[in-house]
Amino acid sequence: VQLQDALMQEQEQRLIKARLIGMFSHDFRNPLATILSSKNLLADYADRMDRARKEAHFDRIESSVKQLVQMLDDMLIVSQMETGNLNIKAEELDVGAFFQEMVDEFQNINQDTHTVVFDNRVQFTSMADTRLLRQIGSNLISNAIKYSPKGTTINVTLDVADDQYLLVIEDHGIGITEEDQARLFEAFHRGRNVGEIPGTGLGLAIVKRAVEIYCGSIQIESIVNQGTTMYVRIPLNTPNT
């Protein structure tokens, strides 16, 4: 029985790794496409561009490179989560500025399809783990963009309520059925209405685990074909673990 359990666990770990590789391989495509597009435009039309347009393309390239590097770091963090070896590393951080930079990266990459608006109501620093915050914010913003029609706006708000950070991410996308909401944070589970939109069903499971490590909570409000709002609450200061 023990051998059978060990084999099943090993098989499950292999499946997780395979799906992780598939997920990140797909997510690599958008930043790489952005880099290639901006590079080609600069190579072919730089002599006809004003300084502002050139700088806009350089900003898109820089944001895309940062996102690719972050994805590689994320793969390591996910591996640590799966093995239970992820320890919180807190540092003094301007959390509002941190999320502003994250939103700017997404806006630079997705400016041709979506608008990402950030409302920062936090003007102080605290002890925080940037890796966990990145896992939470980037997965939720990425999902909001992925499941929202082109031309729509993603609203991101950071506030403080009851001695906790309150991160709210609102989209106007396909929404999530009540049946799927009950299993939303299970690994590999995907909504029945996602159609041909690619994904592995791991993003929200990763968010849930990161929030739990952070001793926080996450809630969802969603209406099919109207949109989804995610509410994440985490302590003002990262707990010691």
C-alpha atoms as a PDB file:
ATOM      1  CA  VAL A   1       0.000   0.000   0.000  1.00  0.00           C
ATOM      2  CA  GLN A   2       2.808   2.415   0.873  1.00  0.00           C
ATOM      3  CA  LEU A   3       4.563   1.642  -2.420  1.00  0.00           C
ATOM      4  CA  GLN A   4       1.334   2.224  -4.339  1.00  0.00           C
ATOM      5  CA  ASP A   5       0.778   5.552  -2.565  1.00  0.00           C
ATOM      6  CA  ALA A   6       4.355   6.587  -3.313  1.00  0.00           C
ATOM      7  CA  LEU A   7       3.955   5.705  -6.997  1.00  0.00           C
ATOM      8  CA  MET A   8       0.677   7.639  -7.209  1.00  0.00           C
ATOM      9  CA  GLN A   9       2.281  10.662  -5.548  1.00  0.00           C
ATOM     10  CA  GLU A  10       5.222  10.520  -7.937  1.00  0.00           C
ATOM     11  CA  GLN A  11       2.849  10.268 -10.900  1.00  0.00           C
ATOM     12  CA  GLU A  12       0.894  13.270  -9.633  1.00  0.00           C
ATOM     13  CA  GLN A  13       4.102  15.299  -9.216  1.00  0.00           C
ATOM     14  CA  ARG A  14       5.101  14.460 -12.794  1.00  0.00           C
ATOM     15  CA  LEU A  15       1.683  15.567 -14.027  1.00  0.00           C
ATOM     16  CA  ILE A  16       1.962  18.828 -12.123  1.00  0.00           C
ATOM     17  CA  LYS A  17       5.419  19.495 -13.545  1.00  0.00           C
ATOM     18  CA  ALA A  18       4.265  18.699 -17.090  1.00  0.00           C
ATOM     19  CA  ARG A  19       1.290  21.053 -16.802  1.00  0.00           C
ATOM     20  CA  LEU A  20       3.431  23.758 -15.236  1.00  0.00           C
ATOM     21  CA  ILE A  21       5.825  23.571 -18.158  1.00  0.00           C
ATOM     22  CA  GLY A  22       2.864  23.784 -20.546  1.00  0.00           C
ATOM     23  CA  MET A  23       1.418  26.766 -18.705  1.00  0.00           C
ATOM     24  CA  PHE A  24       4.623  28.775 -18.600  1.00  0.00           C
ATOM     25  CA  SER A  25       5.528  27.847 -22.180  1.00  0.00           C
ATOM     26  CA  HIS A  26       2.220  29.328 -23.328  1.00  0.00           C
ATOM     27  CA  ASP A  27       2.549  32.421 -21.140  1.00  0.00           C
ATOM     28  CA  PHE A  28       6.031  33.045 -22.535  1.00  0.00           C
ATOM     29  CA  ARG A  29       4.569  33.649 -25.982  1.00  0.00           C
ATOM     30  CA  ASN A  30       2.950  37.048 -25.329  1.00  0.00           C
ATOM     31  CA  PRO A  31       6.066  38.809 -23.950  1.00  0.00           C
ATOM     32  CA  LEU A  32       8.253  37.225 -26.628  1.00  0.00           C
ATOM     33  CA  ALA A  33       5.832  38.331 -29.348  1.00  0.00           C
ATOM     34  CA  THR A  34       5.856  41.852 -27.909  1.00  0.00           C
ATOM     35  CA  ILE A  35       9.661  41.964 -27.887  1.00  0.00           C
ATOM     36  CA  LEU A  36       9.851  40.735 -31.480  1.00  0.00           C
ATOM     37  CA  SER A  37       7.169  43.139 -32.686  1.00  0.00           C
ATOM     38  CA  SER A  38       8.762  46.204 -31.081  1.00  0.00           C
ATOM     39  CA  LYS A  39      12.227  45.157 -32.258  1.00  0.00           C
ATOM     40  CA  ASN A  40      11.019  44.804 -35.858  1.00  0.00           C
ATOM     41  CA  LEU A  41       9.219  48.153 -35.788  1.00  0.00           C
ATOM     42  CA  LEU A  42      12.306  49.876 -34.400  1.00  0.00           C
ATOM     43  CA  ALA A  43      14.523  48.203 -36.983  1.00  0.00           C
ATOM     44  CA  ASP A  44      12.278  49.147 -39.920  1.00  0.00           C
ATOM     45  CA  TYR A  45      10.847  52.525 -38.926  1.00  0.00           C
ATOM     46  CA  ALA A  46      13.097  54.055 -36.257  1.00  0.00           C
ATOM     47  CA  ASP A  47      14.153  56.847 -38.609  1.00  0.00           C
ATOM     48  CA  ARG A  48      10.489  57.907 -38.946  1.00  0.00           C
ATOM     49  CA  MET A  49       9.598  57.673 -35.257  1.00  0.00           C
ATOM     50  CA  ASP A  50       9.716  60.554 -32.824  1.00  0.00           C
ATOM     51  CA  ARG A  51      11.451  60.117 -29.475  1.00  0.00           C
ATOM     52  CA  ALA A  52       8.213  59.353 -27.600  1.00  0.00           C
ATOM     53  CA  ARG A  53       7.299  56.460 -29.907  1.00  0.00           C
ATOM     54  CA  LYS A  54      10.792  54.997 -29.692  1.00  0.00           C
ATOM     55  CA  GLU A  55      10.742  55.182 -25.903  1.00  0.00           C
ATOM     56  CA  ALA A  56       7.307  53.522 -25.848  1.00  0.00           C
ATOM     57  CA  HIS A  57       8.687  50.531 -27.755  1.00  0.00           C
ATOM     58  CA  PHE A  58      11.757  50.350 -25.532  1.00  0.00           C
ATOM     59  CA  ASP A  59       9.458  50.397 -22.495  1.00  0.00           C
ATOM     60  CA  ARG A  60       7.422  47.512 -23.952  1.00  0.00           C
ATOM     61  CA  ILE A  61      10.590  45.500 -24.522  1.00  0.00           C
ATOM     62  CA  GLU A  62      11.843  46.187 -21.003  1.00  0.00           C
ATOM     63  CA  SER A  63       8.488  45.258 -19.429  1.00  0.00           C
ATOM     64  CA  SER A  64       8.353  42.044 -21.446  1.00  0.00           C
ATOM     65  CA  VAL A  65      11.864  41.039 -20.412  1.00  0.00           C
ATOM     66  CA  LYS A  66      11.023  41.693 -16.760  1.00  0.00           C
ATOM     67  CA  GLN A  67       7.905  39.550 -17.075  1.00  0.00           C
ATOM     68  CA  LEU A  68       9.881  36.688 -18.632  1.00  0.00           C
ATOM     69  CA  VAL A  69      12.461  36.813 -15.851  1.00  0.00           C
ATOM     70  CA  GLN A  70       9.659  36.878 -13.283  1.00  0.00           C
ATOM     71  CA  MET A  71       8.054  33.814 -14.864  1.00  0.00           C
ATOM     72  CA  LEU A  72      11.317  31.891 -14.448  1.00  0.00           C
ATOM     73  CA  ASP A  73      11.412  32.939 -10.795  1.00  0.00           C
ATOM     74  CA  ASP A  74       7.764  31.909 -10.472  1.00  0.00           C
ATOM     75  CA  MET A  75       8.553  28.399 -11.702  1.00  0.00           C
ATOM     76  CA  LEU A  76      11.061  28.041  -8.879  1.00  0.00           C
ATOM     77  CA  ILE A  77       8.565  29.354  -6.334  1.00  0.00           C
ATOM     78  CA  VAL A  78       5.850  26.980  -7.536  1.00  0.00           C
ATOM     79  CA  SER A  79       8.285  24.083  -7.196  1.00  0.00           C
ATOM     80  CA  GLN A  80       9.043  25.198  -3.630  1.00  0.00           C
ATOM     81  CA  MET A  81       5.326  25.426  -2.886  1.00  0.00           C
ATOM     82  CA  GLU A  82       4.764  21.877  -4.104  1.00  0.00           C
ATOM     83  CA  THR A  83       7.578  20.497  -1.939  1.00  0.00           C
ATOM     84  CA  GLY A  84       6.663  22.586   1.113  1.00  0.00           C
ATOM     85  CA  ASN A  85      10.027  24.362   1.074  1.00  0.00           C
ATOM     86  CA  LEU A  86       8.787  27.899   0.506  1.00  0.00           C
ATOM     87  CA  ASN A  87       9.756  30.181   3.373  1.00  0.00           C
ATOM     88  CA  ILE A  88       8.566  33.757   3.679  1.00  0.00           C
ATOM     89  CA  LYS A  89      11.273  36.352   3.072  1.00  0.00           C
ATOM     90  CA  ALA A  90      10.045  39.724   4.230  1.00  0.00           C
ATOM     91  CA  GLU A  91      11.579  43.073   3.356  1.00  0.00           C
ATOM     92  CA  GLU A  92      10.624  46.717   3.794  1.00  0.00           C
ATOM     93  CA  LEU A  93       8.437  47.480   0.813  1.00  0.00           C
ATOM     94  CA  ASP A  94       6.275  50.215  -0.631  1.00  0.00           C
ATOM     95  CA  VAL A  95       3.463  47.820  -1.561  1.00  0.00           C
ATOM     96  CA  GLY A  96       1.561  50.456  -3.534  1.00  0.00           C
ATOM     97  CA  ALA A  97       4.583  51.245  -5.698  1.00  0.00           C
ATOM     98  CA  PHE A  98       5.231  47.514  -6.116  1.00  0.00           C
ATOM     99  CA  PHE A  99       1.739  46.904  -7.522  1.00  0.00           C
ATOM    100  CA  GLN A 100       1.961  50.062  -9.650  1.00  0.00           C
ATOM    101  CA  GLU A 101       5.076  48.691 -11.333  1.00  0.00           C
ATOM    102  CA  MET A 102       3.349  45.325 -11.865  1.00  0.00           C
ATOM    103  CA  VAL A 103       0.285  46.977 -13.414  1.00  0.00           C
ATOM    104  CA  ASP A 104       2.497  49.134 -15.647  1.00  0.00           C
ATOM    105  CA  GLU A 105       4.227  46.000 -16.960  1.00  0.00           C
ATOM    106  CA  PHE A 106       0.901  44.390 -17.854  1.00  0.00           C
ATOM    107  CA  GLN A 107      -0.346  47.617 -19.446  1.00  0.00           C
ATOM    108  CA  ASN A 108       2.787  47.984 -21.562  1.00  0.00           C
ATOM    109  CA  ILE A 109       2.443  44.449 -22.892  1.00  0.00           C
ATOM    110  CA  ASN A 110      -1.348  44.467 -23.366  1.00  0.00           C
ATOM    111  CA  GLN A 111      -1.905  48.089 -24.381  1.00  0.00           C
ATOM    112  CA  ASP A 112      -3.226  47.070 -27.812  1.00  0.00           C
ATOM    113  CA  THR A 113      -5.994  44.904 -26.355  1.00  0.00           C
ATOM    114  CA  HIS A 114      -6.870  45.960 -22.790  1.00  0.00           C
ATOM    115  CA  THR A 115      -6.611  48.858 -20.357  1.00  0.00           C
ATOM    116  CA  VAL A 116      -5.345  48.104 -16.848  1.00  0.00           C
ATOM    117  CA  VAL A 117      -6.116  50.873 -14.338  1.00  0.00           C
ATOM    118  CA  PHE A 118      -4.566  51.008 -10.862  1.00  0.00           C
ATOM    119  CA  ASP A 119      -6.047  52.924  -7.929  1.00  0.00           C
ATOM    120  CA  ASN A 120      -3.448  53.052  -5.147  1.00  0.00           C
ATOM    121  CA  ARG A 121      -4.779  54.194  -1.779  1.00  0.00           C
ATOM    122  CA  VAL A 122      -1.729  53.096   0.244  1.00  0.00           C
ATOM    123  CA  GLN A 123       1.071  55.556   0.929  1.00  0.00           C
ATOM    124  CA  PHE A 124       3.326  53.773   3.420  1.00  0.00           C
ATOM    125  CA  THR A 125       5.793  50.892   3.640  1.00  0.00           C
ATOM    126  CA  SER A 126       5.563  47.610   5.522  1.00  0.00           C
ATOM    127  CA  MET A 127       7.303  44.252   5.782  1.00  0.00           C
ATOM    128  CA  ALA A 128       6.231  42.148   2.799  1.00  0.00           C
ATOM    129  CA  ASP A 129       7.331  39.219   0.620  1.00  0.00           C
ATOM    130  CA  THR A 130       7.606  40.375  -2.988  1.00  0.00           C
ATOM    131  CA  ARG A 131       7.576  36.818  -4.360  1.00  0.00           C
ATOM    132  CA  LEU A 132       4.210  35.964  -2.791  1.00  0.00           C
ATOM    133  CA  LEU A 133       2.730  39.330  -3.724  1.00  0.00           C
ATOM    134  CA  ARG A 134       3.913  38.800  -7.296  1.00  0.00           C
ATOM    135  CA  GLN A 135       2.301  35.348  -7.414  1.00  0.00           C
ATOM    136  CA  ILE A 136      -0.987  36.759  -6.165  1.00  0.00           C
ATOM    137  CA  GLY A 137      -1.104  39.928  -8.253  1.00  0.00           C
ATOM    138  CA  SER A 138       0.310  38.657 -11.543  1.00  0.00           C
ATOM    139  CA  ASN A 139      -1.888  35.556 -11.690  1.00  0.00           C
ATOM    140  CA  LEU A 140      -5.073  37.485 -10.905  1.00  0.00           C
ATOM    141  CA  ILE A 141      -4.330  40.331 -13.336  1.00  0.00           C
ATOM    142  CA  SER A 142      -3.279  37.858 -16.024  1.00  0.00           C
ATOM    143  CA  ASN A 143      -6.522  35.905 -15.587  1.00  0.00           C
ATOM    144  CA  ALA A 144      -8.596  39.085 -15.691  1.00  0.00           C
ATOM    145  CA  ILE A 145      -7.012  40.025 -19.013  1.00  0.00           C
ATOM    146  CA  LYS A 146      -7.191  36.503 -20.439  1.00  0.00           C
ATOM    147  CA  TYR A 147     -10.909  36.061 -19.775  1.00  0.00           C
ATOM    148  CA  SER A 148     -12.026  39.565 -20.762  1.00  0.00           C
ATOM    149  CA  PRO A 149     -12.956  40.733 -24.275  1.00  0.00           C
ATOM    150  CA  LYS A 150     -10.589  43.017 -26.144  1.00  0.00           C
ATOM    151  CA  GLY A 151     -11.187  46.694 -25.484  1.00  0.00           C
ATOM    152  CA  THR A 152     -12.342  46.222 -21.890  1.00  0.00           C
ATOM    153  CA  THR A 153     -10.794  47.652 -18.728  1.00  0.00           C
ATOM    154  CA  ILE A 154      -9.286  45.784 -15.777  1.00  0.00           C
ATOM    155  CA  ASN A 155      -9.526  47.737 -12.515  1.00  0.00           C
ATOM    156  CA  VAL A 156      -6.963  47.055  -9.791  1.00  0.00           C
ATOM    157  CA  THR A 157      -7.365  48.709  -6.368  1.00  0.00           C
ATOM    158  CA  LEU A 158      -5.105  48.550  -3.327  1.00  0.00           C
ATOM    159  CA  ASP A 159      -6.528  49.785  -0.024  1.00  0.00           C
ATOM    160  CA  VAL A 160      -6.363  49.097   3.711  1.00  0.00           C
ATOM    161  CA  ALA A 161      -9.265  47.722   5.755  1.00  0.00           C
ATOM    162  CA  ASP A 162      -9.276  46.215   9.254  1.00  0.00           C
ATOM    163  CA  ASP A 163      -5.472  46.234   9.561  1.00  0.00           C
ATOM    164  CA  GLN A 164      -5.127  44.333   6.287  1.00  0.00           C
ATOM    165  CA  TYR A 165      -4.199  45.167   2.725  1.00  0.00           C
ATOM    166  CA  LEU A 166      -7.228  44.817   0.475  1.00  0.00           C
ATOM    167  CA  LEU A 167      -6.409  44.033  -3.159  1.00  0.00           C
ATOM    168  CA  VAL A 168      -9.406  44.163  -5.508  1.00  0.00           C
ATOM    169  CA  ILE A 169      -9.174  43.073  -9.148  1.00  0.00           C
ATOM    170  CA  GLU A 170     -12.288  43.613 -11.257  1.00  0.00           C
ATOM    171  CA  ASP A 171     -12.882  42.603 -14.859  1.00  0.00           C
ATOM    172  CA  HIS A 172     -15.805  42.636 -17.285  1.00  0.00           C
ATOM    173  CA  GLY A 173     -15.172  39.221 -18.767  1.00  0.00           C
ATOM    174  CA  ILE A 174     -16.930  35.892 -19.210  1.00  0.00           C
ATOM    175  CA  GLY A 175     -17.595  35.384 -15.494  1.00  0.00           C
ATOM    176  CA  ILE A 176     -17.686  32.121 -13.544  1.00  0.00           C
ATOM    177  CA  THR A 177     -20.704  29.895 -12.929  1.00  0.00           C
ATOM    178  CA  GLU A 178     -21.812  29.166  -9.355  1.00  0.00           C
ATOM    179  CA  GLU A 179     -20.956  25.496  -9.840  1.00  0.00           C
ATOM    180  CA  ASP A 180     -17.415  26.309 -10.947  1.00  0.00           C
ATOM    181  CA  GLN A 181     -16.894  28.851  -8.165  1.00  0.00           C
ATOM    182  CA  ALA A 182     -17.096  26.024  -5.618  1.00  0.00           C
ATOM    183  CA  ARG A 183     -14.057  24.326  -7.194  1.00  0.00           C
ATOM    184  CA  LEU A 184     -12.300  27.391  -8.529  1.00  0.00           C
ATOM    185  CA  PHE A 185      -9.142  27.060  -6.452  1.00  0.00           C
ATOM    186  CA  GLU A 186      -8.595  23.349  -7.103  1.00  0.00           C
ATOM    187  CA  ALA A 187      -5.491  22.547  -9.146  1.00  0.00           C
ATOM    188  CA  PHE A 188      -6.249  21.863 -12.816  1.00  0.00           C
ATOM    189  CA  HIS A 189      -9.939  22.793 -12.520  1.00  0.00           C
ATOM    190  CA  ARG A 190     -11.164  25.148 -15.245  1.00  0.00           C
ATOM    191  CA  GLY A 191     -14.534  26.780 -15.753  1.00  0.00           C
ATOM    192  CA  ARG A 192     -16.994  25.147 -18.121  1.00  0.00           C
ATOM    193  CA  ASN A 193     -17.409  28.369 -20.079  1.00  0.00           C
ATOM    194  CA  VAL A 194     -13.747  29.030 -20.918  1.00  0.00           C
ATOM    195  CA  GLY A 195     -14.195  27.612 -24.410  1.00  0.00           C
ATOM    196  CA  GLU A 196     -10.939  27.563 -26.368  1.00  0.00           C
ATOM    197  CA  ILE A 197      -9.150  30.066 -24.125  1.00  0.00           C
ATOM    198  CA  PRO A 198      -5.875  28.291 -23.243  1.00  0.00           C
ATOM    199  CA  GLY A 199      -4.873  27.555 -19.666  1.00  0.00           C
ATOM    200  CA  THR A 200      -4.014  24.787 -17.220  1.00  0.00           C
ATOM    201  CA  GLY A 201      -6.190  25.608 -14.210  1.00  0.00           C
ATOM    202  CA  LEU A 202      -3.155  26.133 -11.965  1.00  0.00           C
ATOM    203  CA  GLY A 203      -3.085  29.926 -11.643  1.00  0.00           C
ATOM    204  CA  LEU A 204      -5.789  30.303  -8.999  1.00  0.00           C
ATOM    205  CA  ALA A 205      -4.550  27.252  -7.092  1.00  0.00           C
ATOM    206  CA  ILE A 206      -1.168  28.986  -6.875  1.00  0.00           C
ATOM    207  CA  VAL A 207      -2.843  32.218  -5.736  1.00  0.00           C
ATOM    208  CA  LYS A 208      -4.798  30.355  -3.051  1.00  0.00           C
ATOM    209  CA  ARG A 209      -1.658  28.692  -1.720  1.00  0.00           C
ATOM    210  CA  ALA A 210       0.278  31.974  -1.705  1.00  0.00           C
ATOM    211  CA  VAL A 211      -2.559  33.693   0.186  1.00  0.00           C
ATOM    212  CA  GLU A 212      -2.650  30.853   2.733  1.00  0.00           C
ATOM    213  CA  ILE A 213       1.111  31.073   3.301  1.00  0.00           C
ATOM    214  CA  TYR A 214       0.556  34.788   3.826  1.00  0.00           C
ATOM    215  CA  CYS A 215      -2.176  34.050   6.431  1.00  0.00           C
ATOM    216  CA  GLY A 216      -4.670  35.964   4.283  1.00  0.00           C
ATOM    217  CA  SER A 217      -7.966  35.239   2.551  1.00  0.00           C
ATOM    218  CA  ILE A 218      -9.457  35.434  -0.949  1.00  0.00           C
ATOM    219  CA  GLN A 219     -13.072  35.850  -2.013  1.00  0.00           C
ATOM    220  CA  ILE A 220     -14.808  35.992  -5.365  1.00  0.00           C
ATOM    221  CA  GLU A 221     -17.904  37.653  -6.799  1.00  0.00           C
ATOM    222  CA  SER A 222     -18.846  36.737 -10.339  1.00  0.00           C
ATOM    223  CA  ILE A 223     -21.754  36.872 -12.776  1.00  0.00           C
ATOM    224  CA  VAL A 224     -21.602  34.958 -16.050  1.00  0.00           C
ATOM    225  CA  ASN A 225     -21.089  37.260 -19.058  1.00  0.00           C
ATOM    226  CA  GLN A 226     -20.778  40.310 -16.782  1.00  0.00           C
ATOM    227  CA  GLY A 227     -17.468  39.905 -15.012  1.00  0.00           C
ATOM    228  CA  THR A 228     -15.539  38.828 -11.946  1.00  0.00           C
ATOM    229  CA  THR A 229     -14.172  40.636  -8.900  1.00  0.00           C
ATOM    230  CA  MET A 230     -11.475  39.103  -6.700  1.00  0.00           C
ATOM    231  CA  TYR A 231     -10.915  40.313  -3.133  1.00  0.00           C
ATOM    232  CA  VAL A 232      -7.605  39.457  -1.483  1.00  0.00           C
ATOM    233  CA  ARG A 233      -6.899  40.340   2.144  1.00  0.00           C
ATOM    234  CA  ILE A 234      -3.408  39.950   3.585  1.00  0.00           C
ATOM    235  CA  PRO A 235      -1.790  41.214   6.809  1.00  0.00           C
ATOM    236  CA  LEU A 236      -0.187  44.648   6.781  1.00  0.00           C
ATOM    237  CA  ASN A 237       3.041  43.015   7.905  1.00  0.00           C
ATOM    238  CA  THR A 238       4.166  39.651   6.592  1.00  0.00           C
ATOM    239  CA  PRO A 239       3.855  36.948   9.293  1.00  0.00           C
ATOM    240  CA  ASN A 240       7.026  35.187  10.363  1.00  0.00           C
ATOM    241  CA  THR A 241       7.254  31.542   9.365  1.00  0.00           C
END
